[in-house]
Every structure is written in structure tokens, then in C-alpha cells.
């Protein structure tokens, strides 16, 4: 099953700006799973283990993260969501859009 996260901020290195775009991968996610990052101008495919951090909105209440080839989500309090939303807004100049989608083969 393909997982698509439509608006993610993905860091591949601490020395370069994040790539902002849709990411997709086949379940289950592991260190060697290929992850495709698509922006308006380019497409990059990397192994999940190459992602330092990816942040995305799962919905209007939760943020999701890929860190060390593992999926995580923020706490479900309004305060947690507000902090992550404000932080990503400061980095990007806009809020991330919610956009989690599972596509069956």
C-alpha cells in the first residue's frame, strides 16, 4: 500500500534547506524503504534512513514525523499542535497543509 503525505517539510542534511513537497512510500516503512519527494520543480528518491527529519500535518489536530526511519505523531493537545504549527509557519512562511492519504495498489 502506498502512503502519500501531500505537504511535508523534509530535511536530508543539517547543512541544506529542507525540501518541501509531497512524499510517498510503500508500507511498511523501514530504513531501506525508498521515499519519493516531489516538488513543483524536481523529484528526489532517497532511502528512508537518509531522511534526518520529515514533518507534516496528518489532519487539523496532529502533526506527523519521520525520524530515524520511524513514524511518530505529536501529542493530541491543542497546545502541542499550536507549537508545531507556529514553528513550521516560521520556517516556511506559511502553514503546512493537512494531507495524509493511503492508496491501495
PDB file of N, CA and C in Angstrom:
ATOM      1  N   UNK A   1       0.840  -1.169   0.000  1.00  0.00           N
ATOM      2  CA  UNK A   1       0.000   0.000   0.000  1.00  0.00           C
ATOM      3  C   UNK A   1       0.893   1.243   0.000  1.00  0.00           C
ATOM      4  N   UNK A   2       0.563   2.190  -0.818  1.00  0.00           N
ATOM      5  CA  UNK A   2       1.324   3.435  -0.914  1.00  0.00           C
ATOM      6  C   UNK A   2       0.773   4.469   0.062  1.00  0.00           C
ATOM      7  N   UNK A   3       1.671   5.109   0.789  1.00  0.00           N
ATOM      8  CA  UNK A   3       1.314   6.209   1.674  1.00  0.00           C
ATOM      9  C   UNK A   3       1.782   7.496   1.011  1.00  0.00           C
ATOM     10  N   UNK A   4       0.897   8.490   0.961  1.00  0.00           N
ATOM     11  CA  UNK A   4       1.228   9.798   0.385  1.00  0.00           C
ATOM     12  C   UNK A   4       0.970  10.869   1.445  1.00  0.00           C
ATOM     13  N   UNK A   5       1.960  11.703   1.658  1.00  0.00           N
ATOM     14  CA  UNK A   5       1.846  12.851   2.561  1.00  0.00           C
ATOM     15  C   UNK A   5       2.032  14.078   1.686  1.00  0.00           C
ATOM     16  N   UNK A   6       0.971  14.797   1.446  1.00  0.00           N
ATOM     17  CA  UNK A   6       0.929  15.790   0.362  1.00  0.00           C
ATOM     18  C   UNK A   6       1.707  17.073   0.602  1.00  0.00           C
ATOM     19  N   UNK A   7       1.979  17.450   1.825  1.00  0.00           N
ATOM     20  CA  UNK A   7       2.710  18.696   2.086  1.00  0.00           C
ATOM     21  C   UNK A   7       3.638  18.449   3.269  1.00  0.00           C
ATOM     22  N   UNK A   8       4.874  18.082   2.964  1.00  0.00           N
ATOM     23  CA  UNK A   8       5.835  17.755   4.016  1.00  0.00           C
ATOM     24  C   UNK A   8       7.090  18.601   3.873  1.00  0.00           C
ATOM     25  N   UNK A   9       7.707  18.874   5.002  1.00  0.00           N
ATOM     26  CA  UNK A   9       8.985  19.575   5.045  1.00  0.00           C
ATOM     27  C   UNK A   9      10.021  18.529   5.442  1.00  0.00           C
ATOM     28  N   UNK A  10      10.950  18.205   4.518  1.00  0.00           N
ATOM     29  CA  UNK A  10      11.868  17.093   4.716  1.00  0.00           C
ATOM     30  C   UNK A  10      13.308  17.579   4.715  1.00  0.00           C
ATOM     31  N   UNK A  11      14.003  17.253   5.792  1.00  0.00           N
ATOM     32  CA  UNK A  11      15.406  17.617   5.955  1.00  0.00           C
ATOM     33  C   UNK A  11      16.271  16.395   5.631  1.00  0.00           C
ATOM     34  N   UNK A  12      17.150  16.540   4.651  1.00  0.00           N
ATOM     35  CA  UNK A  12      18.076  15.456   4.302  1.00  0.00           C
ATOM     36  C   UNK A  12      19.463  15.704   4.879  1.00  0.00           C
ATOM     37  N   UNK A  13      19.716  16.928   5.302  1.00  0.00           N
ATOM     38  CA  UNK A  13      21.001  17.304   5.881  1.00  0.00           C
ATOM     39  C   UNK A  13      20.807  18.542   6.735  1.00  0.00           C
ATOM     40  N   UNK A  14      21.619  18.677   7.762  1.00  0.00           N
ATOM     41  CA  UNK A  14      21.537  19.885   8.589  1.00  0.00           C
ATOM     42  C   UNK A  14      22.124  21.090   7.881  1.00  0.00           C
ATOM     43  N   UNK A  15      22.873  20.845   6.789  1.00  0.00           N
ATOM     44  CA  UNK A  15      23.569  21.916   6.098  1.00  0.00           C
ATOM     45  C   UNK A  15      22.804  22.517   4.919  1.00  0.00           C
ATOM     46  N   UNK A  16      21.661  21.932   4.553  1.00  0.00           N
ATOM     47  CA  UNK A  16      20.889  22.469   3.424  1.00  0.00           C
ATOM     48  C   UNK A  16      19.441  22.690   3.849  1.00  0.00           C
ATOM     49  N   UNK A  17      18.764  23.577   3.131  1.00  0.00           N
ATOM     50  CA  UNK A  17      17.361  23.859   3.426  1.00  0.00           C
ATOM     51  C   UNK A  17      16.508  22.611   3.190  1.00  0.00           C
ATOM     52  N   UNK A  18      15.379  22.519   3.885  1.00  0.00           N
ATOM     53  CA  UNK A  18      14.508  21.360   3.681  1.00  0.00           C
ATOM     54  C   UNK A  18      13.874  21.379   2.294  1.00  0.00           C
ATOM     55  N   UNK A  19      13.487  20.196   1.846  1.00  0.00           N
ATOM     56  CA  UNK A  19      12.711  20.070   0.615  1.00  0.00           C
ATOM     57  C   UNK A  19      11.246  20.065   1.030  1.00  0.00           C
ATOM     58  N   UNK A  20      10.447  20.901   0.410  1.00  0.00           N
ATOM     59  CA  UNK A  20       9.029  20.989   0.742  1.00  0.00           C
ATOM     60  C   UNK A  20       8.233  20.459  -0.440  1.00  0.00           C
ATOM     61  N   UNK A  21       7.470  19.402  -0.185  1.00  0.00           N
ATOM     62  CA  UNK A  21       6.671  18.800  -1.243  1.00  0.00           C
ATOM     63  C   UNK A  21       5.987  17.542  -0.736  1.00  0.00           C
ATOM     64  N   UNK A  22       5.404  16.810  -1.647  1.00  0.00           N
ATOM     65  CA  UNK A  22       4.710  15.568  -1.302  1.00  0.00           C
ATOM     66  C   UNK A  22       5.726  14.442  -1.171  1.00  0.00           C
ATOM     67  N   UNK A  23       5.552  13.598  -0.150  1.00  0.00           N
ATOM     68  CA  UNK A  23       6.394  12.415  -0.033  1.00  0.00           C
ATOM     69  C   UNK A  23       5.506  11.182  -0.127  1.00  0.00           C
ATOM     70  N   UNK A  24       6.088  10.122  -0.672  1.00  0.00           N
ATOM     71  CA  UNK A  24       5.339   8.868  -0.791  1.00  0.00           C
ATOM     72  C   UNK A  24       6.280   7.695  -0.601  1.00  0.00           C
ATOM     73  N   UNK A  25       5.718   6.597  -0.104  1.00  0.00           N
ATOM     74  CA  UNK A  25       6.484   5.370   0.103  1.00  0.00           C
ATOM     75  C   UNK A  25       5.518   4.199   0.208  1.00  0.00           C
ATOM     76  N   UNK A  26       6.048   3.013   0.025  1.00  0.00           N
ATOM     77  CA  UNK A  26       5.261   1.791   0.181  1.00  0.00           C
ATOM     78  C   UNK A  26       5.366   1.320   1.627  1.00  0.00           C
ATOM     79  N   UNK A  27       4.228   0.923   2.203  1.00  0.00           N
ATOM     80  CA  UNK A  27       4.219   0.362   3.551  1.00  0.00           C
ATOM     81  C   UNK A  27       4.800  -1.033   3.511  1.00  0.00           C
ATOM     82  N   UNK A  28       5.463  -1.478   4.537  1.00  0.00           N
ATOM     83  CA  UNK A  28       5.825  -0.770   5.770  1.00  0.00           C
ATOM     84  C   UNK A  28       7.087   0.075   5.563  1.00  0.00           C
ATOM     85  N   UNK A  29       7.225   1.111   6.377  1.00  0.00           N
ATOM     86  CA  UNK A  29       8.392   1.973   6.302  1.00  0.00           C
ATOM     87  C   UNK A  29       9.529   1.333   7.087  1.00  0.00           C
ATOM     88  N   UNK A  30      10.669   1.186   6.463  1.00  0.00           N
ATOM     89  CA  UNK A  30      11.874   0.695   7.128  1.00  0.00           C
ATOM     90  C   UNK A  30      13.050   1.529   6.646  1.00  0.00           C
ATOM     91  N   UNK A  31      14.229   1.291   7.172  1.00  0.00           N
ATOM     92  CA  UNK A  31      15.407   2.095   6.835  1.00  0.00           C
ATOM     93  C   UNK A  31      15.705   2.106   5.343  1.00  0.00           C
ATOM     94  N   UNK A  32      15.482   0.990   4.664  1.00  0.00           N
ATOM     95  CA  UNK A  32      15.820   0.895   3.247  1.00  0.00           C
ATOM     96  C   UNK A  32      14.646   1.164   2.302  1.00  0.00           C
ATOM     97  N   UNK A  33      13.492   1.518   2.843  1.00  0.00           N
ATOM     98  CA  UNK A  33      12.330   1.832   2.004  1.00  0.00           C
ATOM     99  C   UNK A  33      12.612   3.071   1.160  1.00  0.00           C
ATOM    100  N   UNK A  34      12.423   2.991  -0.158  1.00  0.00           N
ATOM    101  CA  UNK A  34      12.565   4.199  -0.984  1.00  0.00           C
ATOM    102  C   UNK A  34      11.442   5.189  -0.674  1.00  0.00           C
ATOM    103  N   UNK A  35      11.822   6.437  -0.472  1.00  0.00           N
ATOM    104  CA  UNK A  35      10.869   7.523  -0.223  1.00  0.00           C
ATOM    105  C   UNK A  35      11.049   8.534  -1.341  1.00  0.00           C
ATOM    106  N   UNK A  36       9.953   8.857  -2.019  1.00  0.00           N
ATOM    107  CA  UNK A  36       9.993   9.821  -3.116  1.00  0.00           C
ATOM    108  C   UNK A  36       9.456  11.158  -2.627  1.00  0.00           C
ATOM    109  N   UNK A  37      10.214  12.208  -2.910  1.00  0.00           N
ATOM    110  CA  UNK A  37       9.827  13.571  -2.549  1.00  0.00           C
ATOM    111  C   UNK A  37       9.615  14.330  -3.849  1.00  0.00           C
ATOM    112  N   UNK A  38       8.383  14.834  -4.062  1.00  0.00           N
ATOM    113  CA  UNK A  38       8.067  15.568  -5.289  1.00  0.00           C
ATOM    114  C   UNK A  38       7.758  17.020  -4.960  1.00  0.00           C
ATOM    115  N   UNK A  39       8.435  17.905  -5.672  1.00  0.00           N
ATOM    116  CA  UNK A  39       8.141  19.337  -5.580  1.00  0.00           C
ATOM    117  C   UNK A  39       7.649  19.780  -6.955  1.00  0.00           C
ATOM    118  N   UNK A  40       7.366  21.069  -7.091  1.00  0.00           N
ATOM    119  CA  UNK A  40       6.952  21.582  -8.398  1.00  0.00           C
ATOM    120  C   UNK A  40       8.057  21.450  -9.433  1.00  0.00           C
ATOM    121  N   UNK A  41       9.316  21.495  -8.984  1.00  0.00           N
ATOM    122  CA  UNK A  41      10.420  21.536  -9.945  1.00  0.00           C
ATOM    123  C   UNK A  41      11.304  20.291  -9.990  1.00  0.00           C
ATOM    124  N   UNK A  42      11.158  19.375  -9.015  1.00  0.00           N
ATOM    125  CA  UNK A  42      12.027  18.200  -9.047  1.00  0.00           C
ATOM    126  C   UNK A  42      11.409  17.030  -8.289  1.00  0.00           C
ATOM    127  N   UNK A  43      11.964  15.858  -8.552  1.00  0.00           N
ATOM    128  CA  UNK A  43      11.594  14.643  -7.840  1.00  0.00           C
ATOM    129  C   UNK A  43      12.880  13.999  -7.343  1.00  0.00           C
ATOM    130  N   UNK A  44      12.907  13.667  -6.057  1.00  0.00           N
ATOM    131  CA  UNK A  44      14.073  13.054  -5.429  1.00  0.00           C
ATOM    132  C   UNK A  44      13.618  11.763  -4.761  1.00  0.00           C
ATOM    133  N   UNK A  45      14.379  10.690  -4.950  1.00  0.00           N
ATOM    134  CA  UNK A  45      14.089   9.437  -4.254  1.00  0.00           C
ATOM    135  C   UNK A  45      15.298   9.080  -3.397  1.00  0.00           C
ATOM    136  N   UNK A  46      15.036   8.847  -2.114  1.00  0.00           N
ATOM    137  CA  UNK A  46      16.090   8.501  -1.153  1.00  0.00           C
ATOM    138  C   UNK A  46      15.609   7.333  -0.296  1.00  0.00           C
ATOM    139  N   UNK A  47      16.541   6.646   0.337  1.00  0.00           N
ATOM    140  CA  UNK A  47      16.174   5.628   1.317  1.00  0.00           C
ATOM    141  C   UNK A  47      15.689   6.346   2.573  1.00  0.00           C
ATOM    142  N   UNK A  48      14.733   5.774   3.273  1.00  0.00           N
ATOM    143  CA  UNK A  48      14.182   6.403   4.483  1.00  0.00           C
ATOM    144  C   UNK A  48      15.280   6.751   5.479  1.00  0.00           C
ATOM    145  N   UNK A  49      16.325   5.938   5.544  1.00  0.00           N
ATOM    146  CA  UNK A  49      17.408   6.203   6.502  1.00  0.00           C
ATOM    147  C   UNK A  49      18.173   7.489   6.187  1.00  0.00           C
ATOM    148  N   UNK A  50      18.029   8.041   4.970  1.00  0.00           N
ATOM    149  CA  UNK A  50      18.687   9.287   4.612  1.00  0.00           C
ATOM    150  C   UNK A  50      17.915  10.513   5.080  1.00  0.00           C
ATOM    151  N   UNK A  51      16.682  10.328   5.504  1.00  0.00           N
ATOM    152  CA  UNK A  51      15.862  11.443   5.983  1.00  0.00           C
ATOM    153  C   UNK A  51      16.235  11.739   7.428  1.00  0.00           C
ATOM    154  N   UNK A  52      16.721  12.942   7.657  1.00  0.00           N
ATOM    155  CA  UNK A  52      17.051  13.354   9.030  1.00  0.00           C
ATOM    156  C   UNK A  52      15.761  13.617   9.809  1.00  0.00           C
ATOM    157  N   UNK A  53      14.809  14.319   9.160  1.00  0.00           N
ATOM    158  CA  UNK A  53      13.519  14.617   9.774  1.00  0.00           C
ATOM    159  C   UNK A  53      12.557  15.039   8.671  1.00  0.00           C
ATOM    160  N   UNK A  54      11.349  14.539   8.749  1.00  0.00           N
ATOM    161  CA  UNK A  54      10.278  15.000   7.875  1.00  0.00           C
ATOM    162  C   UNK A  54       9.095  15.342   8.760  1.00  0.00           C
ATOM    163  N   UNK A  55       8.500  16.512   8.528  1.00  0.00           N
ATOM    164  CA  UNK A  55       7.351  16.966   9.317  1.00  0.00           C
ATOM    165  C   UNK A  55       6.180  17.227   8.391  1.00  0.00           C
ATOM    166  N   UNK A  56       4.983  16.865   8.834  1.00  0.00           N
ATOM    167  CA  UNK A  56       3.790  17.038   8.021  1.00  0.00           C
ATOM    168  C   UNK A  56       2.580  17.077   8.938  1.00  0.00           C
ATOM    169  N   UNK A  57       1.481  17.668   8.445  1.00  0.00           N
ATOM    170  CA  UNK A  57       0.215  17.676   9.178  1.00  0.00           C
ATOM    171  C   UNK A  57      -0.577  16.451   8.760  1.00  0.00           C
ATOM    172  N   UNK A  58      -0.940  15.640   9.728  1.00  0.00           N
ATOM    173  CA  UNK A  58      -1.799  14.499   9.422  1.00  0.00           C
ATOM    174  C   UNK A  58      -3.232  14.962   9.220  1.00  0.00           C
ATOM    175  N   UNK A  59      -3.667  15.899  10.060  1.00  0.00           N
ATOM    176  CA  UNK A  59      -5.007  16.475   9.977  1.00  0.00           C
ATOM    177  C   UNK A  59      -4.956  17.812  10.711  1.00  0.00           C
ATOM    178  N   UNK A  60      -6.094  18.344  11.087  1.00  0.00           N
ATOM    179  CA  UNK A  60      -6.112  19.639  11.779  1.00  0.00           C
ATOM    180  C   UNK A  60      -5.884  19.529  13.278  1.00  0.00           C
ATOM    181  N   UNK A  61      -5.429  18.365  13.741  1.00  0.00           N
ATOM    182  CA  UNK A  61      -5.162  18.180  15.168  1.00  0.00           C
ATOM    183  C   UNK A  61      -3.808  17.553  15.456  1.00  0.00           C
ATOM    184  N   UNK A  62      -3.199  16.891  14.464  1.00  0.00           N
ATOM    185  CA  UNK A  62      -1.961  16.152  14.687  1.00  0.00           C
ATOM    186  C   UNK A  62      -0.902  16.448  13.628  1.00  0.00           C
ATOM    187  N   UNK A  63       0.336  16.551  14.078  1.00  0.00           N
ATOM    188  CA  UNK A  63       1.482  16.581  13.182  1.00  0.00           C
ATOM    189  C   UNK A  63       2.094  15.195  13.171  1.00  0.00           C
ATOM    190  N   UNK A  64       2.696  14.836  12.059  1.00  0.00           N
ATOM    191  CA  UNK A  64       3.404  13.570  11.943  1.00  0.00           C
ATOM    192  C   UNK A  64       4.862  13.842  11.618  1.00  0.00           C
ATOM    193  N   UNK A  65       5.707  12.850  11.926  1.00  0.00           N
ATOM    194  CA  UNK A  65       7.143  12.982  11.729  1.00  0.00           C
ATOM    195  C   UNK A  65       7.716  11.660  11.251  1.00  0.00           C
ATOM    196  N   UNK A  66       8.727  11.740  10.431  1.00  0.00           N
ATOM    197  CA  UNK A  66       9.574  10.587  10.138  1.00  0.00           C
ATOM    198  C   UNK A  66      10.933  10.952  10.712  1.00  0.00           C
ATOM    199  N   UNK A  67      11.413  10.129  11.640  1.00  0.00           N
ATOM    200  CA  UNK A  67      12.693  10.343  12.290  1.00  0.00           C
ATOM    201  C   UNK A  67      13.330   8.975  12.503  1.00  0.00           C
ATOM    202  N   UNK A  68      14.557   8.826  12.047  1.00  0.00           N
ATOM    203  CA  UNK A  68      15.271   7.544  12.145  1.00  0.00           C
ATOM    204  C   UNK A  68      14.436   6.407  11.554  1.00  0.00           C
ATOM    205  N   UNK A  69      13.859   6.650  10.394  1.00  0.00           N
ATOM    206  CA  UNK A  69      13.078   5.659   9.626  1.00  0.00           C
ATOM    207  C   UNK A  69      11.842   5.152  10.363  1.00  0.00           C
ATOM    208  N   UNK A  70      11.355   5.941  11.305  1.00  0.00           N
ATOM    209  CA  UNK A  70      10.180   5.559  12.089  1.00  0.00           C
ATOM    210  C   UNK A  70       9.166   6.693  12.064  1.00  0.00           C
ATOM    211  N   UNK A  71       7.890   6.329  12.023  1.00  0.00           N
ATOM    212  CA  UNK A  71       6.814   7.319  12.050  1.00  0.00           C
ATOM    213  C   UNK A  71       6.432   7.668  13.477  1.00  0.00           C
ATOM    214  N   UNK A  72       6.218   8.937  13.730  1.00  0.00           N
ATOM    215  CA  UNK A  72       5.770   9.430  15.033  1.00  0.00           C
ATOM    216  C   UNK A  72       4.657  10.440  14.796  1.00  0.00           C
ATOM    217  N   UNK A  73       3.913  10.782  15.852  1.00  0.00           N
ATOM    218  CA  UNK A  73       2.965  11.885  15.752  1.00  0.00           C
ATOM    219  C   UNK A  73       3.014  12.698  17.030  1.00  0.00           C
ATOM    220  N   UNK A  74       2.596  13.951  16.904  1.00  0.00           N
ATOM    221  CA  UNK A  74       2.599  14.866  18.040  1.00  0.00           C
ATOM    222  C   UNK A  74       1.523  14.448  19.029  1.00  0.00           C
ATOM    223  N   UNK A  75       1.598  15.025  20.224  1.00  0.00           N
ATOM    224  CA  UNK A  75       0.516  14.824  21.170  1.00  0.00           C
ATOM    225  C   UNK A  75      -0.759  15.439  20.630  1.00  0.00           C
ATOM    226  N   UNK A  76      -1.884  15.017  21.153  1.00  0.00           N
ATOM    227  CA  UNK A  76      -3.147  15.499  20.588  1.00  0.00           C
ATOM    228  C   UNK A  76      -3.727  16.706  21.320  1.00  0.00           C
ATOM    229  N   UNK A  77      -2.895  17.394  22.121  1.00  0.00           N
ATOM    230  CA  UNK A  77      -3.394  18.597  22.782  1.00  0.00           C
ATOM    231  C   UNK A  77      -3.334  19.781  21.820  1.00  0.00           C
ATOM    232  N   UNK A  78      -4.209  20.733  22.030  1.00  0.00           N
ATOM    233  CA  UNK A  78      -4.219  21.943  21.199  1.00  0.00           C
ATOM    234  C   UNK A  78      -2.905  22.702  21.346  1.00  0.00           C
ATOM    235  N   UNK A  79      -2.315  22.625  22.536  1.00  0.00           N
ATOM    236  CA  UNK A  79      -1.062  23.323  22.792  1.00  0.00           C
ATOM    237  C   UNK A  79       0.079  22.723  21.964  1.00  0.00           C
ATOM    238  N   UNK A  80       0.191  21.382  21.918  1.00  0.00           N
ATOM    239  CA  UNK A  80       1.215  20.722  21.102  1.00  0.00           C
ATOM    240  C   UNK A  80       1.047  21.098  19.638  1.00  0.00           C
ATOM    241  N   UNK A  81      -0.183  20.992  19.136  1.00  0.00           N
ATOM    242  CA  UNK A  81      -0.449  21.299  17.735  1.00  0.00           C
ATOM    243  C   UNK A  81      -0.083  22.742  17.424  1.00  0.00           C
ATOM    244  N   UNK A  82      -0.460  23.651  18.301  1.00  0.00           N
ATOM    245  CA  UNK A  82      -0.199  25.072  18.095  1.00  0.00           C
ATOM    246  C   UNK A  82       1.303  25.350  18.030  1.00  0.00           C
ATOM    247  N   UNK A  83       2.093  24.708  18.895  1.00  0.00           N
ATOM    248  CA  UNK A  83       3.547  24.906  18.887  1.00  0.00           C
ATOM    249  C   UNK A  83       4.165  24.424  17.582  1.00  0.00           C
ATOM    250  N   UNK A  84       3.783  23.228  17.139  1.00  0.00           N
ATOM    251  CA  UNK A  84       4.327  22.695  15.884  1.00  0.00           C
ATOM    252  C   UNK A  84       3.856  23.542  14.696  1.00  0.00           C
ATOM    253  N   UNK A  85       2.621  23.963  14.717  1.00  0.00           N
ATOM    254  CA  UNK A  85       2.083  24.773  13.627  1.00  0.00           C
ATOM    255  C   UNK A  85       2.819  26.103  13.537  1.00  0.00           C
ATOM    256  N   UNK A  86       3.038  26.737  14.664  1.00  0.00           N
ATOM    257  CA  UNK A  86       3.743  28.019  14.692  1.00  0.00           C
ATOM    258  C   UNK A  86       5.187  27.848  14.232  1.00  0.00           C
ATOM    259  N   UNK A  87       5.846  26.788  14.681  1.00  0.00           N
ATOM    260  CA  UNK A  87       7.243  26.540  14.291  1.00  0.00           C
ATOM    261  C   UNK A  87       7.404  26.318  12.806  1.00  0.00           C
ATOM    262  N   UNK A  88       6.528  25.503  12.218  1.00  0.00           N
ATOM    263  CA  UNK A  88       6.632  25.253  10.781  1.00  0.00           C
ATOM    264  C   UNK A  88       6.263  26.516   9.988  1.00  0.00           C
ATOM    265  N   UNK A  89       5.325  27.288  10.517  1.00  0.00           N
ATOM    266  CA  UNK A  89       4.934  28.539   9.849  1.00  0.00           C
ATOM    267  C   UNK A  89       6.103  29.526   9.837  1.00  0.00           C
ATOM    268  N   UNK A  90       6.859  29.583  10.910  1.00  0.00           N
ATOM    269  CA  UNK A  90       8.021  30.471  10.962  1.00  0.00           C
ATOM    270  C   UNK A  90       9.095  30.029   9.969  1.00  0.00           C
ATOM    271  N   UNK A  91       9.303  28.723   9.836  1.00  0.00           N
ATOM    272  CA  UNK A  91      10.328  28.217   8.919  1.00  0.00           C
ATOM    273  C   UNK A  91       9.938  28.394   7.454  1.00  0.00           C
ATOM    274  N   UNK A  92       8.658  28.146   7.146  1.00  0.00           N
ATOM    275  CA  UNK A  92       8.213  28.155   5.749  1.00  0.00           C
ATOM    276  C   UNK A  92       7.578  29.463   5.291  1.00  0.00           C
ATOM    277  N   UNK A  93       7.115  30.257   6.255  1.00  0.00           N
ATOM    278  CA  UNK A  93       6.368  31.453   5.895  1.00  0.00           C
ATOM    279  C   UNK A  93       4.905  31.160   5.615  1.00  0.00           C
ATOM    280  N   UNK A  94       4.493  29.928   5.871  1.00  0.00           N
ATOM    281  CA  UNK A  94       3.102  29.509   5.700  1.00  0.00           C
ATOM    282  C   UNK A  94       2.882  28.250   6.537  1.00  0.00           C
ATOM    283  N   UNK A  95       1.626  27.910   6.737  1.00  0.00           N
ATOM    284  CA  UNK A  95       1.316  26.675   7.448  1.00  0.00           C
ATOM    285  C   UNK A  95       1.386  25.491   6.484  1.00  0.00           C
ATOM    286  N   UNK A  96       1.793  24.345   6.999  1.00  0.00           N
ATOM    287  CA  UNK A  96       1.698  23.123   6.205  1.00  0.00           C
ATOM    288  C   UNK A  96       0.229  22.778   6.043  1.00  0.00           C
ATOM    289  N   UNK A  97      -0.110  22.177   4.922  1.00  0.00           N
ATOM    290  CA  UNK A  97      -1.496  21.764   4.682  1.00  0.00           C
ATOM    291  C   UNK A  97      -1.677  20.318   5.117  1.00  0.00           C
ATOM    292  N   UNK A  98      -2.810  20.005   5.739  1.00  0.00           N
ATOM    293  CA  UNK A  98      -3.063  18.603   6.067  1.00  0.00           C
ATOM    294  C   UNK A  98      -3.168  17.793   4.774  1.00  0.00           C
ATOM    295  N   UNK A  99      -2.624  16.594   4.766  1.00  0.00           N
ATOM    296  CA  UNK A  99      -2.693  15.844   3.529  1.00  0.00           C
ATOM    297  C   UNK A  99      -2.172  14.423   3.615  1.00  0.00           C
ATOM    298  N   UNK A 100      -2.784  13.601   4.425  1.00  0.00           N
ATOM    299  CA  UNK A 100      -2.396  12.201   4.556  1.00  0.00           C
ATOM    300  C   UNK A 100      -3.331  11.365   3.693  1.00  0.00           C
ATOM    301  N   UNK A 101      -2.774  10.467   2.907  1.00  0.00           N
ATOM    302  CA  UNK A 101      -3.558   9.650   2.006  1.00  0.00           C
ATOM    303  C   UNK A 101      -2.931   8.271   1.874  1.00  0.00           C
ATOM    304  N   UNK A 102      -3.710   7.213   2.003  1.00  0.00           N
ATOM    305  CA  UNK A 102      -3.230   5.863   1.717  1.00  0.00           C
ATOM    306  C   UNK A 102      -3.864   5.438   0.409  1.00  0.00           C
ATOM    307  N   UNK A 103      -3.043   4.917  -0.477  1.00  0.00           N
ATOM    308  CA  UNK A 103      -3.530   4.483  -1.777  1.00  0.00           C
ATOM    309  C   UNK A 103      -3.364   2.972  -1.862  1.00  0.00           C
ATOM    310  N   UNK A 104      -4.427   2.299  -2.125  1.00  0.00           N
ATOM    311  CA  UNK A 104      -4.337   0.835  -2.267  1.00  0.00           C
ATOM    312  C   UNK A 104      -3.812   0.489  -3.649  1.00  0.00           C
ATOM    313  N   UNK A 105      -3.044  -0.611  -3.737  1.00  0.00           N
ATOM    314  CA  UNK A 105      -2.464  -0.975  -5.032  1.00  0.00           C
ATOM    315  C   UNK A 105      -3.514  -1.283  -6.092  1.00  0.00           C
TER     316      UNK A 105
END
